[in-house]
PDB file of N, CA and C in Angstrom:
ATOM      1  N   MET A   1      40.121 -31.406   2.255  1.00  0.00           N
ATOM      2  CA  MET A   1      39.268 -31.806   3.220  1.00  0.00           C
ATOM      3  C   MET A   1      38.523 -30.299   3.861  1.00  0.00           C
ATOM      4  N   THR A   2      39.422 -29.422   3.738  1.00  0.00           N
ATOM      5  CA  THR A   2      39.124 -27.797   4.029  1.00  0.00           C
ATOM      6  C   THR A   2      37.857 -27.606   3.064  1.00  0.00           C
ATOM      7  N   ASN A   3      38.026 -27.485   1.933  1.00  0.00           N
ATOM      8  CA  ASN A   3      37.084 -27.242   1.017  1.00  0.00           C
ATOM      9  C   ASN A   3      35.603 -27.851   1.225  1.00  0.00           C
ATOM     10  N   ARG A   4      35.810 -29.341   1.740  1.00  0.00           N
ATOM     11  CA  ARG A   4      34.542 -30.117   1.795  1.00  0.00           C
ATOM     12  C   ARG A   4      33.849 -29.565   3.356  1.00  0.00           C
ATOM     13  N   ASN A   5      34.449 -29.125   4.168  1.00  0.00           N
ATOM     14  CA  ASN A   5      34.091 -28.604   5.352  1.00  0.00           C
ATOM     15  C   ASN A   5      33.072 -27.302   5.266  1.00  0.00           C
ATOM     16  N   ALA A   6      33.924 -26.470   4.153  1.00  0.00           N
ATOM     17  CA  ALA A   6      33.602 -25.164   3.898  1.00  0.00           C
ATOM     18  C   ALA A   6      32.142 -25.259   2.914  1.00  0.00           C
ATOM     19  N   MET A   7      32.200 -26.456   2.053  1.00  0.00           N
ATOM     20  CA  MET A   7      31.081 -26.572   1.297  1.00  0.00           C
ATOM     21  C   MET A   7      29.522 -27.016   2.261  1.00  0.00           C
ATOM     22  N   PHE A   8      30.012 -27.576   3.134  1.00  0.00           N
ATOM     23  CA  PHE A   8      29.160 -28.264   4.013  1.00  0.00           C
ATOM     24  C   PHE A   8      28.775 -27.258   5.100  1.00  0.00           C
ATOM     25  N   ALA A   9      29.578 -26.312   5.396  1.00  0.00           N
ATOM     26  CA  ALA A   9      29.117 -25.059   6.239  1.00  0.00           C
ATOM     27  C   ALA A   9      28.258 -23.944   5.553  1.00  0.00           C
ATOM     28  N   LYS A  10      28.604 -24.190   4.273  1.00  0.00           N
ATOM     29  CA  LYS A  10      27.929 -22.835   3.316  1.00  0.00           C
ATOM     30  C   LYS A  10      26.424 -23.447   3.004  1.00  0.00           C
ATOM     31  N   ARG A  11      26.478 -24.896   2.839  1.00  0.00           N
ATOM     32  CA  ARG A  11      25.055 -25.496   2.533  1.00  0.00           C
ATOM     33  C   ARG A  11      24.136 -25.113   3.935  1.00  0.00           C
ATOM     34  N   GLN A  12      24.587 -25.579   4.832  1.00  0.00           N
ATOM     35  CA  GLN A  12      23.899 -25.298   6.383  1.00  0.00           C
ATOM     36  C   GLN A  12      23.520 -23.983   6.369  1.00  0.00           C
ATOM     37  N   ARG A  13      24.335 -22.851   6.125  1.00  0.00           N
ATOM     38  CA  ARG A  13      23.983 -21.492   6.294  1.00  0.00           C
ATOM     39  C   ARG A  13      22.755 -21.381   5.205  1.00  0.00           C
ATOM     40  N   GLU A  14      22.876 -21.818   4.095  1.00  0.00           N
ATOM     41  CA  GLU A  14      21.783 -21.488   3.073  1.00  0.00           C
ATOM     42  C   GLU A  14      20.598 -22.187   3.362  1.00  0.00           C
ATOM     43  N   MET A  15      20.589 -23.471   3.983  1.00  0.00           N
ATOM     44  CA  MET A  15      19.332 -24.351   4.406  1.00  0.00           C
ATOM     45  C   MET A  15      18.479 -23.341   5.533  1.00  0.00           C
ATOM     46  N   LYS A  16      19.442 -22.834   6.502  1.00  0.00           N
ATOM     47  CA  LYS A  16      19.265 -22.044   7.622  1.00  0.00           C
ATOM     48  C   LYS A  16      18.365 -20.650   7.272  1.00  0.00           C
ATOM     49  N   GLN A  17      19.138 -20.267   6.226  1.00  0.00           N
ATOM     50  CA  GLN A  17      18.301 -18.897   5.636  1.00  0.00           C
ATOM     51  C   GLN A  17      16.876 -19.165   5.057  1.00  0.00           C
ATOM     52  N   GLN A  18      16.897 -20.307   4.357  1.00  0.00           N
ATOM     53  CA  GLN A  18      15.761 -20.596   3.394  1.00  0.00           C
ATOM     54  C   GLN A  18      14.580 -20.850   4.584  1.00  0.00           C
ATOM     55  N   GLU A  19      14.907 -21.680   5.677  1.00  0.00           N
ATOM     56  CA  GLU A  19      13.924 -21.971   6.605  1.00  0.00           C
ATOM     57  C   GLU A  19      13.562 -20.715   7.235  1.00  0.00           C
ATOM     58  N   LYS A  20      14.263 -19.733   7.844  1.00  0.00           N
ATOM     59  CA  LYS A  20      14.032 -18.348   8.108  1.00  0.00           C
ATOM     60  C   LYS A  20      13.390 -17.553   7.223  1.00  0.00           C
ATOM     61  N   ALA A  21      13.111 -17.814   5.819  1.00  0.00           N
ATOM     62  CA  ALA A  21      12.428 -17.170   4.939  1.00  0.00           C
ATOM     63  C   ALA A  21      11.207 -17.802   4.932  1.00  0.00           C
ATOM     64  N   ARG A  22      11.174 -18.970   5.065  1.00  0.00           N
ATOM     65  CA  ARG A  22       9.642 -19.871   5.272  1.00  0.00           C
ATOM     66  C   ARG A  22       8.915 -19.385   6.602  1.00  0.00           C
ATOM     67  N   GLU A  23       9.608 -19.161   7.681  1.00  0.00           N
ATOM     68  CA  GLU A  23       9.088 -18.900   8.685  1.00  0.00           C
ATOM     69  C   GLU A  23       8.651 -17.392   8.719  1.00  0.00           C
ATOM     70  N   LYS A  24       9.439 -16.555   8.033  1.00  0.00           N
ATOM     71  CA  LYS A  24       8.987 -15.241   8.091  1.00  0.00           C
ATOM     72  C   LYS A  24       7.843 -15.152   7.059  1.00  0.00           C
ATOM     73  N   GLU A  25       7.569 -15.521   6.107  1.00  0.00           N
ATOM     74  CA  GLU A  25       6.250 -15.971   5.123  1.00  0.00           C
ATOM     75  C   GLU A  25       5.026 -16.358   5.899  1.00  0.00           C
ATOM     76  N   LYS A  26       5.465 -17.406   6.697  1.00  0.00           N
ATOM     77  CA  LYS A  26       4.187 -18.206   7.575  1.00  0.00           C
ATOM     78  C   LYS A  26       3.799 -16.903   8.523  1.00  0.00           C
ATOM     79  N   ARG A  27       4.573 -16.162   9.409  1.00  0.00           N
ATOM     80  CA  ARG A  27       4.203 -15.198  10.303  1.00  0.00           C
ATOM     81  C   ARG A  27       3.366 -14.052   9.320  1.00  0.00           C
ATOM     82  N   LYS A  28       3.993 -13.769   8.212  1.00  0.00           N
ATOM     83  CA  LYS A  28       3.329 -12.714   7.555  1.00  0.00           C
ATOM     84  C   LYS A  28       1.932 -13.203   6.970  1.00  0.00           C
ATOM     85  N   ALA A  29       1.490 -14.277   6.565  1.00  0.00           N
ATOM     86  CA  ALA A  29       0.406 -14.814   6.139  1.00  0.00           C
ATOM     87  C   ALA A  29      -0.581 -15.036   7.253  1.00  0.00           C
ATOM     88  N   GLU A  30      -0.022 -15.369   8.430  1.00  0.00           N
ATOM     89  CA  GLU A  30      -0.940 -15.205   9.817  1.00  0.00           C
ATOM     90  C   GLU A  30      -1.235 -13.919  10.245  1.00  0.00           C
ATOM     91  N   ARG A  31      -0.439 -12.856  10.191  1.00  0.00           N
ATOM     92  CA  ARG A  31      -0.869 -11.458  10.276  1.00  0.00           C
ATOM     93  C   ARG A  31      -1.831 -11.032   9.420  1.00  0.00           C
ATOM     94  N   LYS A  32      -1.715 -11.493   8.229  1.00  0.00           N
ATOM     95  CA  LYS A  32      -2.430 -10.755   7.180  1.00  0.00           C
ATOM     96  C   LYS A  32      -4.085 -11.554   7.244  1.00  0.00           C
ATOM     97  N   ALA A  33      -4.185 -12.719   7.722  1.00  0.00           N
ATOM     98  CA  ALA A  33      -5.360 -13.569   7.980  1.00  0.00           C
ATOM     99  C   ALA A  33      -5.973 -12.983   9.215  1.00  0.00           C
ATOM    100  N   LYS A  34      -5.337 -12.583  10.186  1.00  0.00           N
ATOM    101  CA  LYS A  34      -5.574 -12.056  11.556  1.00  0.00           C
ATOM    102  C   LYS A  34      -6.068 -10.854  11.515  1.00  0.00           C
ATOM    103  N   ASP A  35      -5.608  -9.768  10.581  1.00  0.00           N
ATOM    104  CA  ASP A  35      -5.862  -8.316  10.597  1.00  0.00           C
ATOM    105  C   ASP A  35      -7.087  -8.131  10.052  1.00  0.00           C
ATOM    106  N   GLY A  36      -7.864  -7.280  10.635  1.00  0.00           N
ATOM    107  CA  GLY A  36      -9.201  -6.997  10.484  1.00  0.00           C
ATOM    108  C   GLY A  36      -9.610  -6.090   9.393  1.00  0.00           C
ATOM    109  N   SER A  37      -8.139  -5.312   9.383  1.00  0.00           N
ATOM    110  CA  SER A  37      -8.610  -4.359   8.043  1.00  0.00           C
ATOM    111  C   SER A  37      -7.808  -4.554   6.916  1.00  0.00           C
ATOM    112  N   ALA A  38      -7.447  -6.009   7.003  1.00  0.00           N
ATOM    113  CA  ALA A  38      -7.211  -6.463   5.376  1.00  0.00           C
ATOM    114  C   ALA A  38      -8.366  -6.388   4.386  1.00  0.00           C
ATOM    115  N   VAL A  39      -7.826  -5.860   3.158  1.00  0.00           N
ATOM    116  CA  VAL A  39      -8.634  -5.574   1.751  1.00  0.00           C
ATOM    117  C   VAL A  39      -8.727  -6.630   1.181  1.00  0.00           C
ATOM    118  N   ASP A  40     -10.158  -7.286   1.008  1.00  0.00           N
ATOM    119  CA  ASP A  40     -10.350  -8.350   0.510  1.00  0.00           C
ATOM    120  C   ASP A  40     -10.816  -8.201  -0.937  1.00  0.00           C
ATOM    121  N   ASP A  41     -11.196  -7.109  -1.315  1.00  0.00           N
ATOM    122  CA  ASP A  41     -11.793  -6.904  -2.391  1.00  0.00           C
ATOM    123  C   ASP A  41     -10.554  -5.955  -3.483  1.00  0.00           C
ATOM    124  N   GLY A  42      -9.475  -5.604  -2.760  1.00  0.00           N
ATOM    125  CA  GLY A  42      -8.410  -4.873  -3.475  1.00  0.00           C
ATOM    126  C   GLY A  42      -8.434  -3.234  -3.444  1.00  0.00           C
ATOM    127  N   VAL A  43      -9.588  -2.851  -2.679  1.00  0.00           N
ATOM    128  CA  VAL A  43      -9.776  -1.393  -2.768  1.00  0.00           C
ATOM    129  C   VAL A  43      -9.176  -0.814  -1.383  1.00  0.00           C
ATOM    130  N   ASP A  44      -8.303   0.024  -1.546  1.00  0.00           N
ATOM    131  CA  ASP A  44      -7.894   0.673  -0.383  1.00  0.00           C
ATOM    132  C   ASP A  44      -9.113   1.300   0.192  1.00  0.00           C
ATOM    133  N   PRO A  45      -9.300   0.992   1.780  1.00  0.00           N
ATOM    134  CA  PRO A  45     -10.404   1.944   2.624  1.00  0.00           C
ATOM    135  C   PRO A  45     -10.194   2.948   2.758  1.00  0.00           C
ATOM    136  N   ASP A  46      -8.874   3.805   2.623  1.00  0.00           N
ATOM    137  CA  ASP A  46      -8.769   4.926   2.829  1.00  0.00           C
ATOM    138  C   ASP A  46      -9.428   6.024   1.560  1.00  0.00           C
ATOM    139  N   ILE A  47      -9.586   5.574   0.374  1.00  0.00           N
ATOM    140  CA  ILE A  47      -9.902   5.952  -0.606  1.00  0.00           C
ATOM    141  C   ILE A  47     -11.451   5.503  -1.126  1.00  0.00           C
ATOM    142  N   ALA A  48     -11.928   4.534  -0.541  1.00  0.00           N
ATOM    143  CA  ALA A  48     -13.070   3.897  -0.983  1.00  0.00           C
ATOM    144  C   ALA A  48     -14.020   4.890  -0.975  1.00  0.00           C
ATOM    145  N   GLY A  49     -14.822   4.946  -2.014  1.00  0.00           N
ATOM    146  CA  GLY A  49     -16.337   5.945  -2.188  1.00  0.00           C
ATOM    147  C   GLY A  49     -15.956   7.104  -2.754  1.00  0.00           C
ATOM    148  N   ILE A  50     -14.402   7.369  -2.953  1.00  0.00           N
ATOM    149  CA  ILE A  50     -14.140   8.442  -3.795  1.00  0.00           C
ATOM    150  C   ILE A  50     -14.477   8.544  -5.249  1.00  0.00           C
ATOM    151  N   VAL A  51     -15.108   9.577  -5.832  1.00  0.00           N
ATOM    152  CA  VAL A  51     -15.234   9.485  -7.228  1.00  0.00           C
ATOM    153  C   VAL A  51     -14.344  10.149  -7.762  1.00  0.00           C
ATOM    154  N   PRO A  52     -13.613   9.759  -8.882  1.00  0.00           N
ATOM    155  CA  PRO A  52     -13.035  10.636  -9.475  1.00  0.00           C
ATOM    156  C   PRO A  52     -13.767  11.666 -10.620  1.00  0.00           C
ATOM    157  N   GLY A  53     -12.863  12.895 -10.654  1.00  0.00           N
ATOM    158  CA  GLY A  53     -13.437  14.129 -11.771  1.00  0.00           C
ATOM    159  C   GLY A  53     -13.951  15.059 -10.929  1.00  0.00           C
ATOM    160  N   PRO A  54     -14.415  16.033 -11.355  1.00  0.00           N
ATOM    161  CA  PRO A  54     -14.981  17.464 -10.739  1.00  0.00           C
ATOM    162  C   PRO A  54     -15.937  16.883  -9.330  1.00  0.00           C
ATOM    163  N   GLN A  55     -15.718  17.365  -8.587  1.00  0.00           N
ATOM    164  CA  GLN A  55     -16.309  17.420  -7.172  1.00  0.00           C
ATOM    165  C   GLN A  55     -17.456  18.429  -6.925  1.00  0.00           C
ATOM    166  N   PRO A  56     -18.570  18.202  -6.560  1.00  0.00           N
ATOM    167  CA  PRO A  56     -19.789  18.955  -6.348  1.00  0.00           C
ATOM    168  C   PRO A  56     -19.297  19.948  -5.211  1.00  0.00           C
ATOM    169  N   LYS A  57     -19.750  21.220  -5.628  1.00  0.00           N
ATOM    170  CA  LYS A  57     -19.529  22.524  -4.597  1.00  0.00           C
ATOM    171  C   LYS A  57     -19.977  22.023  -2.893  1.00  0.00           C
ATOM    172  N   PRO A  58     -19.367  21.944  -2.049  1.00  0.00           N
ATOM    173  CA  PRO A  58     -20.085  21.972  -0.606  1.00  0.00           C
ATOM    174  C   PRO A  58     -21.094  22.936  -0.537  1.00  0.00           C
ATOM    175  N   GLU A  59     -21.974  22.507   0.319  1.00  0.00           N
ATOM    176  CA  GLU A  59     -23.577  23.393   0.675  1.00  0.00           C
ATOM    177  C   GLU A  59     -22.874  24.452   1.491  1.00  0.00           C
ATOM    178  N   GLY A  60     -23.619  25.593   1.131  1.00  0.00           N
ATOM    179  CA  GLY A  60     -23.386  26.963   1.692  1.00  0.00           C
ATOM    180  C   GLY A  60     -22.470  27.483   0.936  1.00  0.00           C
ATOM    181  N   GLU A  61     -22.002  27.259   0.200  1.00  0.00           N
ATOM    182  CA  GLU A  61     -20.855  27.956  -0.468  1.00  0.00           C
ATOM    183  C   GLU A  61     -21.523  28.437  -1.642  1.00  0.00           C
ATOM    184  N   ALA A  62     -21.439  29.833  -1.771  1.00  0.00           N
ATOM    185  CA  ALA A  62     -22.188  30.423  -3.118  1.00  0.00           C
ATOM    186  C   ALA A  62     -21.009  30.594  -4.057  1.00  0.00           C
ATOM    187  N   VAL A  63     -21.646  30.367  -5.322  1.00  0.00           N
ATOM    188  CA  VAL A  63     -20.581  30.837  -6.713  1.00  0.00           C
ATOM    189  C   VAL A  63     -20.836  32.252  -6.913  1.00  0.00           C
ATOM    190  N   GLU A  64     -20.055  33.118  -6.960  1.00  0.00           N
ATOM    191  CA  GLU A  64     -20.306  34.646  -7.156  1.00  0.00           C
ATOM    192  C   GLU A  64     -19.646  34.971  -8.548  1.00  0.00           C
ATOM    193  N   ALA A  65     -20.679  35.383  -9.268  1.00  0.00           N
ATOM    194  CA  ALA A  65     -20.354  36.153 -10.732  1.00  0.00           C
ATOM    195  C   ALA A  65     -19.494  37.387 -10.737  1.00  0.00           C
ATOM    196  N   PRO A  66     -18.686  37.471 -11.632  1.00  0.00           N
ATOM    197  CA  PRO A  66     -17.760  38.736 -11.414  1.00  0.00           C
ATOM    198  C   PRO A  66     -18.750  39.919 -11.780  1.00  0.00           C
ATOM    199  N   ALA A  67     -18.477  41.051 -11.121  1.00  0.00           N
ATOM    200  CA  ALA A  67     -19.266  42.347 -11.213  1.00  0.00           C
ATOM    201  C   ALA A  67     -19.069  42.841 -12.465  1.00  0.00           C
ATOM    202  N   GLU A  68     -20.071  43.657 -13.071  1.00  0.00           N
ATOM    203  CA  GLU A  68     -19.758  44.271 -14.126  1.00  0.00           C
ATOM    204  C   GLU A  68     -18.351  45.347 -14.317  1.00  0.00           C
ATOM    205  N   GLY A  69     -17.568  45.272 -15.005  1.00  0.00           N
ATOM    206  CA  GLY A  69     -16.259  46.322 -14.940  1.00  0.00           C
ATOM    207  C   GLY A  69     -15.246  45.411 -14.692  1.00  0.00           C
ATOM    208  N   GLU A  70     -15.372  44.228 -14.076  1.00  0.00           N
ATOM    209  CA  GLU A  70     -14.343  43.322 -13.791  1.00  0.00           C
ATOM    210  C   GLU A  70     -13.919  42.063 -14.550  1.00  0.00           C
ATOM    211  N   GLY A  71     -13.109  41.614 -14.661  1.00  0.00           N
ATOM    212  CA  GLY A  71     -12.723  40.744 -15.699  1.00  0.00           C
ATOM    213  C   GLY A  71     -11.437  40.574 -16.204  1.00  0.00           C
ATOM    214  N   ASP A  72     -11.458  39.678 -17.256  1.00  0.00           N
ATOM    215  CA  ASP A  72     -10.078  39.879 -17.833  1.00  0.00           C
ATOM    216  C   ASP A  72      -9.780  40.428 -19.128  1.00  0.00           C
ATOM    217  N   THR A  73     -10.911  41.117 -19.431  1.00  0.00           N
ATOM    218  CA  THR A  73     -10.771  41.998 -20.782  1.00  0.00           C
ATOM    219  C   THR A  73     -10.250  43.455 -20.467  1.00  0.00           C
ATOM    220  N   PRO A  74      -9.331  43.853 -21.297  1.00  0.00           N
ATOM    221  CA  PRO A  74      -8.715  45.443 -20.790  1.00  0.00           C
ATOM    222  C   PRO A  74      -9.639  46.458 -21.006  1.00  0.00           C
TER     223      PRO A  74
END
């Protein structure tokens, strides 16, 4: 009889865990639906619009050429 009671208690615990997991998923889905910053198109809003590759120089920054006599050649 003890084994049956233990099996019943274990099954009850498992069912309680499953119910808790379902409720957690439900709350998670509600938060995601309610959250206005949720991304629908799969693009992270922090990096949206960033173009990979070399970036253009900022305005006002001049590119200076090395002067005669300076350089890597000895």
